[in-house]
Amino acid sequence: MIIPLEHVLLFSLILFAIGMVGVLTRRNAIGILISIELLLNAVNVNLVCFSRVSEDPMAGQMFAFFVIALAAAAAAVGLAIVVAIYRTRNTVQTDEIQLLKW
């Protein structure tokens, strides 16, 4: 059974929309990081989907692996920043964090 291209693109669009709503509405820094991961996973689904219909089927999958590596590095750095902020401010709520304020 082959899944049509339109269904995969619709799934990716829904996943991207959920991630975007999460980034724009979350107040918790960890929730924002999870939403960013959803955005990157939607991009990965698109890349793998388009690699299935392109002339070079490995190109999209190689880009997806690079995006996965980038997402892992971003998650590690983001969580390190969140832990550092939590140690100094005792909160991870983004509206309570004002590091540049004197």
N, C-alpha and C. Protein backbone atom coordinates (compact mmCIF):
# COMPACT_ATOMS: atom_id res chain seq x y z
N MET A 1 0.84 -1.18 0.00
CA MET A 1 0.00 0.00 0.00
C MET A 1 0.89 1.24 0.00
N ILE A 2 0.70 2.08 -0.97
CA ILE A 2 1.48 3.31 -1.10
C ILE A 2 0.61 4.48 -0.65
N ILE A 3 1.15 5.28 0.25
CA ILE A 3 0.44 6.45 0.75
C ILE A 3 0.59 7.58 -0.27
N PRO A 4 -0.51 8.21 -0.68
CA PRO A 4 -0.42 9.30 -1.66
C PRO A 4 0.38 10.48 -1.11
N LEU A 5 1.00 11.20 -2.04
CA LEU A 5 1.81 12.36 -1.69
C LEU A 5 1.00 13.43 -0.97
N GLU A 6 -0.24 13.62 -1.38
CA GLU A 6 -1.08 14.65 -0.77
C GLU A 6 -1.35 14.36 0.70
N HIS A 7 -1.53 13.09 1.05
CA HIS A 7 -1.80 12.74 2.44
C HIS A 7 -0.59 13.00 3.32
N VAL A 8 0.58 12.70 2.81
CA VAL A 8 1.80 12.94 3.59
C VAL A 8 2.03 14.43 3.76
N LEU A 9 1.78 15.21 2.71
CA LEU A 9 1.94 16.66 2.81
C LEU A 9 0.91 17.27 3.76
N LEU A 10 -0.31 16.74 3.76
CA LEU A 10 -1.32 17.22 4.70
C LEU A 10 -0.92 16.91 6.14
N PHE A 11 -0.38 15.70 6.36
CA PHE A 11 0.11 15.34 7.70
C PHE A 11 1.23 16.28 8.13
N SER A 12 2.15 16.56 7.22
CA SER A 12 3.25 17.46 7.53
C SER A 12 2.75 18.87 7.83
N LEU A 13 1.76 19.32 7.08
CA LEU A 13 1.18 20.64 7.33
C LEU A 13 0.53 20.71 8.70
N ILE A 14 -0.21 19.67 9.06
CA ILE A 14 -0.86 19.65 10.37
C ILE A 14 0.19 19.63 11.49
N LEU A 15 1.22 18.83 11.30
CA LEU A 15 2.29 18.76 12.30
C LEU A 15 3.00 20.10 12.44
N PHE A 16 3.24 20.77 11.31
CA PHE A 16 3.88 22.09 11.34
C PHE A 16 2.98 23.11 12.01
N ALA A 17 1.69 23.06 11.72
CA ALA A 17 0.75 24.01 12.33
C ALA A 17 0.67 23.81 13.84
N ILE A 18 0.66 22.56 14.30
CA ILE A 18 0.64 22.30 15.74
C ILE A 18 1.91 22.85 16.39
N GLY A 19 3.04 22.64 15.74
CA GLY A 19 4.30 23.17 16.27
C GLY A 19 4.33 24.68 16.31
N MET A 20 3.80 25.32 15.27
CA MET A 20 3.79 26.78 15.22
C MET A 20 2.86 27.36 16.29
N VAL A 21 1.71 26.75 16.47
CA VAL A 21 0.80 27.20 17.53
C VAL A 21 1.46 27.03 18.89
N GLY A 22 2.18 25.91 19.07
CA GLY A 22 2.87 25.68 20.33
C GLY A 22 3.95 26.71 20.60
N VAL A 23 4.70 27.08 19.57
CA VAL A 23 5.76 28.08 19.75
C VAL A 23 5.16 29.44 20.10
N LEU A 24 4.05 29.79 19.46
CA LEU A 24 3.47 31.11 19.67
C LEU A 24 2.64 31.24 20.94
N THR A 25 2.15 30.13 21.48
CA THR A 25 1.26 30.23 22.63
C THR A 25 1.86 29.73 23.94
N ARG A 26 2.91 28.97 23.90
CA ARG A 26 3.48 28.42 25.14
C ARG A 26 4.20 29.49 25.93
N ARG A 27 4.11 29.38 27.25
CA ARG A 27 4.86 30.27 28.13
C ARG A 27 6.02 29.55 28.78
N ASN A 28 6.03 28.24 28.71
CA ASN A 28 7.08 27.44 29.30
C ASN A 28 8.19 27.22 28.27
N ALA A 29 9.44 27.43 28.66
CA ALA A 29 10.55 27.31 27.72
C ALA A 29 10.71 25.88 27.21
N ILE A 30 10.44 24.91 28.04
CA ILE A 30 10.57 23.52 27.61
C ILE A 30 9.48 23.18 26.59
N GLY A 31 8.28 23.71 26.80
CA GLY A 31 7.20 23.52 25.82
C GLY A 31 7.53 24.14 24.48
N ILE A 32 8.20 25.29 24.51
CA ILE A 32 8.61 25.93 23.26
C ILE A 32 9.64 25.08 22.54
N LEU A 33 10.59 24.51 23.28
CA LEU A 33 11.58 23.63 22.66
C LEU A 33 10.93 22.40 22.04
N ILE A 34 9.94 21.84 22.71
CA ILE A 34 9.24 20.68 22.15
C ILE A 34 8.50 21.08 20.88
N SER A 35 7.92 22.26 20.86
CA SER A 35 7.21 22.72 19.67
C SER A 35 8.17 22.96 18.50
N ILE A 36 9.37 23.43 18.80
CA ILE A 36 10.38 23.60 17.75
C ILE A 36 10.77 22.24 17.18
N GLU A 37 10.85 21.23 18.03
CA GLU A 37 11.14 19.88 17.55
C GLU A 37 10.02 19.38 16.63
N LEU A 38 8.77 19.72 16.95
CA LEU A 38 7.66 19.35 16.06
C LEU A 38 7.81 20.02 14.69
N LEU A 39 8.22 21.28 14.69
CA LEU A 39 8.44 21.98 13.42
C LEU A 39 9.52 21.28 12.60
N LEU A 40 10.61 20.91 13.24
CA LEU A 40 11.70 20.25 12.51
C LEU A 40 11.29 18.86 12.03
N ASN A 41 10.46 18.17 12.79
CA ASN A 41 9.98 16.86 12.34
C ASN A 41 9.04 17.00 11.14
N ALA A 42 8.26 18.06 11.09
CA ALA A 42 7.42 18.30 9.92
C ALA A 42 8.28 18.53 8.67
N VAL A 43 9.38 19.25 8.84
CA VAL A 43 10.30 19.46 7.74
C VAL A 43 10.91 18.13 7.30
N ASN A 44 11.26 17.27 8.24
CA ASN A 44 11.81 15.96 7.90
C ASN A 44 10.81 15.12 7.12
N VAL A 45 9.55 15.15 7.52
CA VAL A 45 8.53 14.39 6.79
C VAL A 45 8.43 14.91 5.35
N ASN A 46 8.48 16.22 5.16
CA ASN A 46 8.45 16.78 3.81
C ASN A 46 9.66 16.34 2.99
N LEU A 47 10.83 16.38 3.58
CA LEU A 47 12.04 16.00 2.85
C LEU A 47 11.99 14.54 2.42
N VAL A 48 11.58 13.67 3.30
CA VAL A 48 11.51 12.25 2.95
C VAL A 48 10.41 12.01 1.91
N CYS A 49 9.31 12.74 2.02
CA CYS A 49 8.22 12.61 1.06
C CYS A 49 8.67 13.04 -0.34
N PHE A 50 9.35 14.15 -0.43
CA PHE A 50 9.79 14.63 -1.73
C PHE A 50 10.97 13.82 -2.26
N SER A 51 11.71 13.16 -1.40
CA SER A 51 12.78 12.30 -1.91
C SER A 51 12.21 11.07 -2.59
N ARG A 52 10.98 10.71 -2.22
CA ARG A 52 10.35 9.55 -2.84
C ARG A 52 9.98 9.83 -4.29
N VAL A 53 9.66 11.07 -4.63
CA VAL A 53 9.23 11.40 -5.99
C VAL A 53 10.32 12.10 -6.81
N SER A 54 11.48 12.35 -6.23
CA SER A 54 12.52 13.06 -6.97
C SER A 54 13.38 12.09 -7.77
N GLU A 55 14.27 12.66 -8.57
CA GLU A 55 15.16 11.84 -9.38
C GLU A 55 16.22 11.15 -8.53
N ASP A 56 16.72 11.83 -7.52
CA ASP A 56 17.71 11.26 -6.62
C ASP A 56 17.03 10.97 -5.28
N PRO A 57 16.61 9.73 -5.04
CA PRO A 57 15.83 9.44 -3.83
C PRO A 57 16.61 9.57 -2.53
N MET A 58 17.92 9.58 -2.58
CA MET A 58 18.71 9.69 -1.35
C MET A 58 18.96 11.13 -0.93
N ALA A 59 18.72 12.08 -1.82
CA ALA A 59 19.02 13.48 -1.51
C ALA A 59 18.16 13.99 -0.36
N GLY A 60 16.86 13.78 -0.44
CA GLY A 60 15.97 14.24 0.63
C GLY A 60 16.23 13.54 1.94
N GLN A 61 16.56 12.26 1.88
CA GLN A 61 16.84 11.53 3.11
C GLN A 61 18.14 11.98 3.76
N MET A 62 19.13 12.34 2.95
CA MET A 62 20.38 12.86 3.52
C MET A 62 20.14 14.22 4.18
N PHE A 63 19.34 15.07 3.56
CA PHE A 63 18.99 16.34 4.19
C PHE A 63 18.22 16.11 5.48
N ALA A 64 17.35 15.10 5.50
CA ALA A 64 16.60 14.79 6.72
C ALA A 64 17.55 14.37 7.84
N PHE A 65 18.58 13.60 7.52
CA PHE A 65 19.55 13.22 8.55
C PHE A 65 20.30 14.44 9.08
N PHE A 66 20.61 15.39 8.21
CA PHE A 66 21.25 16.62 8.67
C PHE A 66 20.32 17.42 9.58
N VAL A 67 19.04 17.46 9.23
CA VAL A 67 18.08 18.18 10.07
C VAL A 67 17.94 17.48 11.42
N ILE A 68 17.97 16.15 11.44
CA ILE A 68 17.90 15.42 12.71
C ILE A 68 19.12 15.74 13.58
N ALA A 69 20.30 15.78 12.96
CA ALA A 69 21.51 16.12 13.72
C ALA A 69 21.44 17.56 14.24
N LEU A 70 20.93 18.47 13.42
CA LEU A 70 20.77 19.85 13.84
C LEU A 70 19.76 19.95 14.98
N ALA A 71 18.68 19.20 14.91
CA ALA A 71 17.67 19.22 15.97
C ALA A 71 18.23 18.68 17.28
N ALA A 72 19.05 17.65 17.21
CA ALA A 72 19.65 17.11 18.43
C ALA A 72 20.60 18.13 19.06
N ALA A 73 21.39 18.79 18.23
CA ALA A 73 22.31 19.81 18.77
C ALA A 73 21.53 20.99 19.35
N ALA A 74 20.48 21.41 18.67
CA ALA A 74 19.68 22.53 19.17
C ALA A 74 18.97 22.16 20.47
N ALA A 75 18.51 20.93 20.57
CA ALA A 75 17.85 20.50 21.81
C ALA A 75 18.85 20.48 22.97
N ALA A 76 20.06 20.03 22.71
CA ALA A 76 21.07 19.99 23.77
C ALA A 76 21.43 21.39 24.24
N VAL A 77 21.66 22.29 23.30
CA VAL A 77 22.01 23.67 23.65
C VAL A 77 20.83 24.36 24.32
N GLY A 78 19.63 24.16 23.79
CA GLY A 78 18.45 24.79 24.36
C GLY A 78 18.18 24.32 25.78
N LEU A 79 18.30 23.03 26.02
CA LEU A 79 18.10 22.52 27.38
C LEU A 79 19.19 23.01 28.33
N ALA A 80 20.41 23.14 27.84
CA ALA A 80 21.48 23.68 28.69
C ALA A 80 21.18 25.13 29.07
N ILE A 81 20.67 25.91 28.14
CA ILE A 81 20.31 27.29 28.44
C ILE A 81 19.16 27.34 29.44
N VAL A 82 18.16 26.47 29.26
CA VAL A 82 17.02 26.43 30.18
C VAL A 82 17.48 26.05 31.58
N VAL A 83 18.38 25.09 31.71
CA VAL A 83 18.89 24.69 33.02
C VAL A 83 19.67 25.83 33.66
N ALA A 84 20.49 26.54 32.87
CA ALA A 84 21.25 27.67 33.41
C ALA A 84 20.33 28.79 33.87
N ILE A 85 19.28 29.06 33.12
CA ILE A 85 18.33 30.10 33.53
C ILE A 85 17.57 29.66 34.78
N TYR A 86 17.21 28.38 34.84
CA TYR A 86 16.47 27.89 36.01
C TYR A 86 17.32 28.00 37.28
N ARG A 87 18.62 27.76 37.15
CA ARG A 87 19.50 27.85 38.32
C ARG A 87 19.60 29.28 38.84
N THR A 88 19.54 30.26 37.95
CA THR A 88 19.68 31.65 38.40
C THR A 88 18.34 32.29 38.76
N ARG A 89 17.27 31.95 38.05
CA ARG A 89 15.97 32.62 38.23
C ARG A 89 14.92 31.75 38.91
N ASN A 90 15.16 30.45 39.03
CA ASN A 90 14.22 29.49 39.61
C ASN A 90 12.89 29.45 38.88
N THR A 91 12.89 29.68 37.59
CA THR A 91 11.69 29.57 36.78
C THR A 91 12.07 29.29 35.33
N VAL A 92 11.15 28.66 34.60
CA VAL A 92 11.35 28.47 33.17
C VAL A 92 10.21 29.11 32.38
N GLN A 93 9.41 29.94 33.04
CA GLN A 93 8.34 30.68 32.36
C GLN A 93 8.97 31.84 31.60
N THR A 94 8.69 31.92 30.30
CA THR A 94 9.37 32.91 29.47
C THR A 94 8.94 34.34 29.78
N ASP A 95 7.73 34.54 30.28
CA ASP A 95 7.34 35.92 30.59
C ASP A 95 7.94 36.43 31.89
N GLU A 96 8.50 35.54 32.69
CA GLU A 96 9.15 35.95 33.94
C GLU A 96 10.66 36.10 33.80
N ILE A 97 11.19 35.71 32.66
CA ILE A 97 12.64 35.77 32.44
C ILE A 97 12.94 37.06 31.70
N GLN A 98 13.67 37.95 32.36
CA GLN A 98 14.09 39.21 31.75
C GLN A 98 15.55 39.41 32.06
N LEU A 99 16.40 38.69 31.34
CA LEU A 99 17.83 38.70 31.64
C LEU A 99 18.51 40.00 31.24
N LEU A 100 17.99 40.71 30.26
CA LEU A 100 18.64 41.92 29.81
C LEU A 100 18.22 43.15 30.59
N LYS A 101 17.29 42.99 31.50
CA LYS A 101 16.81 44.11 32.28
C LYS A 101 17.78 44.38 33.45
N TRP A 102 18.08 45.64 33.70
CA TRP A 102 19.01 45.97 34.79
C TRP A 102 18.27 45.83 36.05
